[in-house]
C-alpha atoms as a PDB file:
ATOM      1  CA  MET A   1     -14.855  -8.939 -11.340  1.00  0.00           C
ATOM      2  CA  ASN A   2     -18.170  -7.399 -12.296  1.00  0.00           C
ATOM      3  CA  VAL A   3     -19.120  -3.726 -12.845  1.00  0.00           C
ATOM      4  CA  LEU A   4     -20.310  -3.294  -9.258  1.00  0.00           C
ATOM      5  CA  ASP A   5     -16.913  -4.508  -7.942  1.00  0.00           C
ATOM      6  CA  ILE A   6     -15.072  -2.110 -10.238  1.00  0.00           C
ATOM      7  CA  VAL A   7     -17.241   0.833  -9.041  1.00  0.00           C
ATOM      8  CA  LYS A   8     -16.611  -0.180  -5.376  1.00  0.00           C
ATOM      9  CA  GLN A   9     -12.853  -0.324  -6.032  1.00  0.00           C
ATOM     10  CA  GLY A  10     -13.012   3.075  -7.759  1.00  0.00           C
ATOM     11  CA  ILE A  11     -14.819   4.630  -4.790  1.00  0.00           C
ATOM     12  CA  HIS A  12     -12.355   2.968  -2.442  1.00  0.00           C
ATOM     13  CA  ALA A  13      -9.420   4.376  -4.507  1.00  0.00           C
ATOM     14  CA  LEU A  14     -10.948   7.892  -4.481  1.00  0.00           C
ATOM     15  CA  LEU A  15     -11.494   7.787  -0.740  1.00  0.00           C
ATOM     16  CA  ILE A  16      -7.948   6.625  -0.031  1.00  0.00           C
ATOM     17  CA  TYR A  17      -6.593   9.243  -2.440  1.00  0.00           C
ATOM     18  CA  LEU A  18      -8.532  12.048  -0.738  1.00  0.00           C
ATOM     19  CA  ILE A  19      -7.455  10.934   2.711  1.00  0.00           C
ATOM     20  CA  GLN A  20      -3.802  10.827   1.594  1.00  0.00           C
ATOM     21  CA  VAL A  21      -3.850  14.181  -0.146  1.00  0.00           C
ATOM     22  CA  LEU A  22      -6.057  16.117   2.243  1.00  0.00           C
ATOM     23  CA  VAL A  23      -5.032  14.655   5.598  1.00  0.00           C
ATOM     24  CA  PHE A  24      -1.737  12.823   5.474  1.00  0.00           C
ATOM     25  CA  ARG A  25       0.139  14.967   2.941  1.00  0.00           C
ATOM     26  CA  THR A  26       1.106  17.487   5.592  1.00  0.00           C
ATOM     27  CA  THR A  27       0.891  15.253   8.676  1.00  0.00           C
ATOM     28  CA  THR A  28       3.972  13.816  10.281  1.00  0.00           C
ATOM     29  CA  LEU A  29       4.621  12.548  13.782  1.00  0.00           C
ATOM     30  CA  TRP A  30       7.574  14.273  15.430  1.00  0.00           C
ATOM     31  CA  ASP A  31       9.095  14.848  12.011  1.00  0.00           C
ATOM     32  CA  VAL A  32      10.048  11.146  11.769  1.00  0.00           C
ATOM     33  CA  ALA A  33       6.900   9.273  10.712  1.00  0.00           C
ATOM     34  CA  ALA A  34       4.712   9.990   7.729  1.00  0.00           C
ATOM     35  CA  CYS A  35       1.669   7.974   6.685  1.00  0.00           C
ATOM     36  CA  PHE A  36       1.404   6.531   3.195  1.00  0.00           C
ATOM     37  CA  ILE A  37      -2.165   5.187   3.409  1.00  0.00           C
ATOM     38  CA  TYR A  38      -2.338   4.929  -0.399  1.00  0.00           C
ATOM     39  CA  THR A  39      -0.170   1.841  -0.057  1.00  0.00           C
ATOM     40  CA  GLY A  40      -3.129   0.196   1.617  1.00  0.00           C
ATOM     41  CA  PHE A  41      -5.192   0.533  -1.539  1.00  0.00           C
ATOM     42  CA  LEU A  42      -2.426  -0.842  -3.755  1.00  0.00           C
ATOM     43  CA  ILE A  43      -1.833  -3.951  -1.631  1.00  0.00           C
ATOM     44  CA  GLN A  44      -5.530  -4.762  -1.695  1.00  0.00           C
ATOM     45  CA  ILE A  45      -5.799  -5.087  -5.485  1.00  0.00           C
ATOM     46  CA  PRO A  46      -7.177  -8.574  -6.141  1.00  0.00           C
ATOM     47  CA  PHE A  47      -4.883 -11.449  -7.123  1.00  0.00           C
ATOM     48  CA  THR A  48      -6.945 -12.058 -10.265  1.00  0.00           C
ATOM     49  CA  ILE A  49      -5.958  -8.791 -11.960  1.00  0.00           C
ATOM     50  CA  PRO A  50      -3.014  -9.419 -14.373  1.00  0.00           C
ATOM     51  CA  LYS A  51       0.396  -7.960 -13.405  1.00  0.00           C
ATOM     52  CA  VAL A  52       0.420  -5.539 -16.316  1.00  0.00           C
ATOM     53  CA  TYR A  53      -2.894  -3.979 -15.275  1.00  0.00           C
ATOM     54  CA  THR A  54      -1.804  -3.919 -11.682  1.00  0.00           C
ATOM     55  CA  LEU A  55       1.293  -1.998 -12.593  1.00  0.00           C
ATOM     56  CA  LEU A  56      -0.718   0.396 -14.786  1.00  0.00           C
ATOM     57  CA  ILE A  57      -3.184   1.075 -11.964  1.00  0.00           C
ATOM     58  CA  THR A  58      -0.239   1.609  -9.598  1.00  0.00           C
ATOM     59  CA  PHE A  59       1.453   4.005 -12.011  1.00  0.00           C
ATOM     60  CA  ILE A  60      -1.630   6.162 -12.542  1.00  0.00           C
ATOM     61  CA  PHE A  61      -2.623   6.213  -8.888  1.00  0.00           C
ATOM     62  CA  THR A  62       0.794   7.040  -7.489  1.00  0.00           C
ATOM     63  CA  PHE A  63       1.637   9.550 -10.231  1.00  0.00           C
ATOM     64  CA  CYS A  64      -1.359  11.519  -9.014  1.00  0.00           C
ATOM     65  CA  ILE A  65      -0.055  11.205  -5.444  1.00  0.00           C
ATOM     66  CA  ASP A  66       3.376  12.490  -6.594  1.00  0.00           C
ATOM     67  CA  ILE A  67       1.738  15.551  -8.152  1.00  0.00           C
ATOM     68  CA  PHE A  68       0.267  16.640  -4.835  1.00  0.00           C
ATOM     69  CA  PHE A  69       3.356  15.701  -2.857  1.00  0.00           C
ATOM     70  CA  ASN A  70       5.564  17.592  -5.282  1.00  0.00           C
ATOM     71  CA  THR A  71       7.893  14.621  -5.418  1.00  0.00           C
ATOM     72  CA  PRO A  72       8.282  13.884  -9.124  1.00  0.00           C
ATOM     73  CA  GLY A  73       8.299  10.107  -9.514  1.00  0.00           C
ATOM     74  CA  VAL A  74       9.436   9.169  -5.991  1.00  0.00           C
ATOM     75  CA  HIS A  75       6.230   7.491  -4.808  1.00  0.00           C
ATOM     76  CA  THR A  76       5.557   6.141  -8.297  1.00  0.00           C
ATOM     77  CA  ALA A  77       8.927   4.440  -8.580  1.00  0.00           C
ATOM     78  CA  ALA A  78       8.780   2.984  -5.059  1.00  0.00           C
ATOM     79  CA  ALA A  79       5.197   1.713  -5.563  1.00  0.00           C
ATOM     80  CA  LEU A  80       5.954   0.184  -8.938  1.00  0.00           C
ATOM     81  CA  VAL A  81       8.911  -1.778  -7.509  1.00  0.00           C
ATOM     82  CA  MET A  82       6.706  -2.862  -4.589  1.00  0.00           C
ATOM     83  CA  MET A  83       3.979  -4.086  -6.917  1.00  0.00           C
ATOM     84  CA  TYR A  84       6.401  -5.739  -9.279  1.00  0.00           C
ATOM     85  CA  PHE A  85       7.558  -7.974  -6.421  1.00  0.00           C
ATOM     86  CA  ARG A  86       4.011  -8.460  -5.077  1.00  0.00           C
ATOM     87  CA  PRO A  87       3.431 -11.900  -6.789  1.00  0.00           C
ATOM     88  CA  ASN A  88       6.649 -13.225  -5.315  1.00  0.00           C
ATOM     89  CA  ILE A  89       5.708 -12.059  -1.849  1.00  0.00           C
ATOM     90  CA  ILE A  90       2.232 -13.544  -2.178  1.00  0.00           C
ATOM     91  CA  ASN A  91       3.741 -16.875  -3.347  1.00  0.00           C
ATOM     92  CA  LEU A  92       6.138 -16.793  -0.388  1.00  0.00           C
ATOM     93  CA  LEU A  93       3.312 -16.296   2.108  1.00  0.00           C
ATOM     94  CA  SER A  94       0.700 -18.533   0.436  1.00  0.00           C
ATOM     95  CA  PRO A  95      -0.012 -22.001   1.753  1.00  0.00           C
ATOM     96  CA  GLN A  96       1.116 -24.981  -0.284  1.00  0.00           C
ATOM     97  CA  GLY A  97      -2.172 -25.425  -2.139  1.00  0.00           C
ATOM     98  CA  GLY A  98      -2.517 -21.737  -2.909  1.00  0.00           C
ATOM     99  CA  TYR A  99      -5.645 -19.666  -2.462  1.00  0.00           C
ATOM    100  CA  ASP A 100      -9.047 -19.894  -4.031  1.00  0.00           C
ATOM    101  CA  SER A 101     -10.239 -16.963  -6.097  1.00  0.00           C
ATOM    102  CA  VAL A 102     -10.307 -14.050  -3.670  1.00  0.00           C
ATOM    103  CA  GLU A 103     -12.238 -10.943  -4.589  1.00  0.00           C
ATOM    104  CA  SER A 104     -10.234  -8.578  -2.394  1.00  0.00           C
ATOM    105  CA  ILE A 105      -7.153  -8.847  -0.266  1.00  0.00           C
ATOM    106  CA  ASN A 106      -8.130  -7.608   3.168  1.00  0.00           C
ATOM    107  CA  ILE A 107      -8.177  -8.623   6.786  1.00  0.00           C
ATOM    108  CA  PHE A 108     -11.627 -10.215   6.533  1.00  0.00           C
ATOM    109  CA  SER A 109     -10.923 -12.373   3.471  1.00  0.00           C
ATOM    110  CA  MET A 110      -7.321 -13.386   4.262  1.00  0.00           C
ATOM    111  CA  GLY A 111      -7.166 -13.381   8.032  1.00  0.00           C
ATOM    112  CA  ILE A 112      -5.502 -10.840  10.288  1.00  0.00           C
ATOM    113  CA  GLN A 113      -2.147 -12.627  10.755  1.00  0.00           C
ATOM    114  CA  TRP A 114      -1.563 -13.299   7.045  1.00  0.00           C
ATOM    115  CA  HIS A 115      -2.691  -9.796   6.004  1.00  0.00           C
ATOM    116  CA  THR A 116      -0.627  -8.015   8.672  1.00  0.00           C
ATOM    117  CA  LEU A 117       2.544  -9.848   7.639  1.00  0.00           C
ATOM    118  CA  TYR A 118       1.835  -9.261   3.939  1.00  0.00           C
ATOM    119  CA  ALA A 119       1.020  -5.582   4.522  1.00  0.00           C
ATOM    120  CA  PHE A 120       4.112  -5.084   6.657  1.00  0.00           C
ATOM    121  CA  ILE A 121       6.428  -6.533   4.028  1.00  0.00           C
ATOM    122  CA  MET A 122       4.828  -4.508   1.193  1.00  0.00           C
ATOM    123  CA  ILE A 123       4.745  -1.289   3.158  1.00  0.00           C
ATOM    124  CA  PHE A 124       8.326  -1.769   4.315  1.00  0.00           C
ATOM    125  CA  ILE A 125       9.544  -2.213   0.737  1.00  0.00           C
ATOM    126  CA  GLN A 126       7.678   0.888  -0.449  1.00  0.00           C
ATOM    127  CA  THR A 127       8.733   3.071   2.477  1.00  0.00           C
ATOM    128  CA  THR A 128      12.365   2.007   2.222  1.00  0.00           C
ATOM    129  CA  LEU A 129      12.473   2.916  -1.435  1.00  0.00           C
ATOM    130  CA  VAL A 130      10.741   6.284  -0.900  1.00  0.00           C
ATOM    131  CA  PHE A 131      13.273   7.334   1.770  1.00  0.00           C
ATOM    132  CA  VAL A 132      16.262   5.991  -0.132  1.00  0.00           C
ATOM    133  CA  ILE A 133      15.214   7.800  -3.326  1.00  0.00           C
ATOM    134  CA  GLU A 134      14.478  11.035  -1.421  1.00  0.00           C
ATOM    135  CA  SER A 135      17.825  11.010   0.334  1.00  0.00           C
ATOM    136  CA  ILE A 136      20.054  10.161  -2.624  1.00  0.00           C
ATOM    137  CA  GLY A 137      22.219  13.305  -2.394  1.00  0.00           C
ATOM    138  CA  SER A 138      22.437  13.587   1.355  1.00  0.00           C
ATOM    139  CA  PHE A 139      22.115  10.163   2.903  1.00  0.00           C
ATOM    140  CA  SER A 140      21.820  10.297   6.689  1.00  0.00           C
ATOM    141  CA  PHE A 141      21.792   6.595   7.547  1.00  0.00           C
ATOM    142  CA  GLY A 142      20.552   6.746  11.131  1.00  0.00           C
ATOM    143  CA  ASN A 143      17.791   9.264  10.495  1.00  0.00           C
ATOM    144  CA  SER A 144      16.601   7.359   7.399  1.00  0.00           C
ATOM    145  CA  ILE A 145      16.422   4.062   9.300  1.00  0.00           C
ATOM    146  CA  VAL A 146      14.277   5.656  12.003  1.00  0.00           C
ATOM    147  CA  LYS A 147      12.036   7.230   9.389  1.00  0.00           C
ATOM    148  CA  ILE A 148      11.672   3.931   7.519  1.00  0.00           C
ATOM    149  CA  PHE A 149      10.588   1.944  10.566  1.00  0.00           C
ATOM    150  CA  THR A 150       8.358   4.552  12.123  1.00  0.00           C
ATOM    151  CA  THR A 151       6.640   5.317   8.811  1.00  0.00           C
ATOM    152  CA  THR A 152       6.185   1.604   8.119  1.00  0.00           C
ATOM    153  CA  LEU A 153       4.589   0.997  11.509  1.00  0.00           C
ATOM    154  CA  LEU A 154       2.381   4.113  11.371  1.00  0.00           C
ATOM    155  CA  THR A 155       1.190   3.251   7.833  1.00  0.00           C
ATOM    156  CA  LEU A 156       0.500  -0.351   8.830  1.00  0.00           C
ATOM    157  CA  VAL A 157      -1.590   0.713  11.829  1.00  0.00           C
ATOM    158  CA  VAL A 158      -3.569   3.213   9.755  1.00  0.00           C
ATOM    159  CA  VAL A 159      -4.134   0.686   6.929  1.00  0.00           C
ATOM    160  CA  ILE A 160      -5.453  -1.887   9.432  1.00  0.00           C
ATOM    161  CA  LEU A 161      -7.684   0.720  11.148  1.00  0.00           C
ATOM    162  CA  TYR A 162      -8.988   1.830   7.775  1.00  0.00           C
ATOM    163  CA  GLN A 163      -9.972  -1.707   6.912  1.00  0.00           C
ATOM    164  CA  PHE A 164     -11.810  -2.188  10.213  1.00  0.00           C
ATOM    165  CA  LEU A 165     -13.595   1.136   9.840  1.00  0.00           C
ATOM    166  CA  PHE A 166     -14.489   1.272   6.164  1.00  0.00           C
ATOM    167  CA  LEU A 167     -14.468  -2.245   4.710  1.00  0.00           C
ATOM    168  CA  TYR A 168     -17.350  -4.535   5.418  1.00  0.00           C
ATOM    169  CA  LYS A 169     -16.890  -8.159   6.339  1.00  0.00           C
ATOM    170  CA  ARG A 170     -17.504 -10.465   3.346  1.00  0.00           C
ATOM    171  CA  ASN A 171     -15.878 -13.740   4.215  1.00  0.00           C
ATOM    172  CA  SER A 172     -14.448 -14.637   7.573  1.00  0.00           C
ATOM    173  CA  ARG A 173     -11.691 -17.148   8.053  1.00  0.00           C
END
């Protein structure tokens, strides 16, 4: 990863952060679906970055999200667990020979089917943990299940739309 790639990733992170904080912080659909677009940035961190740095980036990025959401540590904890299991999920979904060095994990470099399945699993883990942590004192099972699935699907759709709108096509499969 060269300096230009790091700057591009930084701009990408800032854009996602601003969209999350300014648009999606107060936006819900019918009081059951929220959008956690910041998850889209986290799942696109390149394979080549060591796990320790990935977790550090995740901690800093989601801690800033928690500050604006006024949810001390909820999104940070959920995202850290999601990113901790990320290598296992990638290994589960990878072909037998593995992948060549990939600059970025997105629809254009990995293919839409692989990326959609990968993003769904990652977003589902993160969303489930967020709603379980938030509802620890007053667990309403049915309501939480609906929120988990609707938020996962809404976030997945927004992440895919974001990639088609704002990421340029580097390599096509």
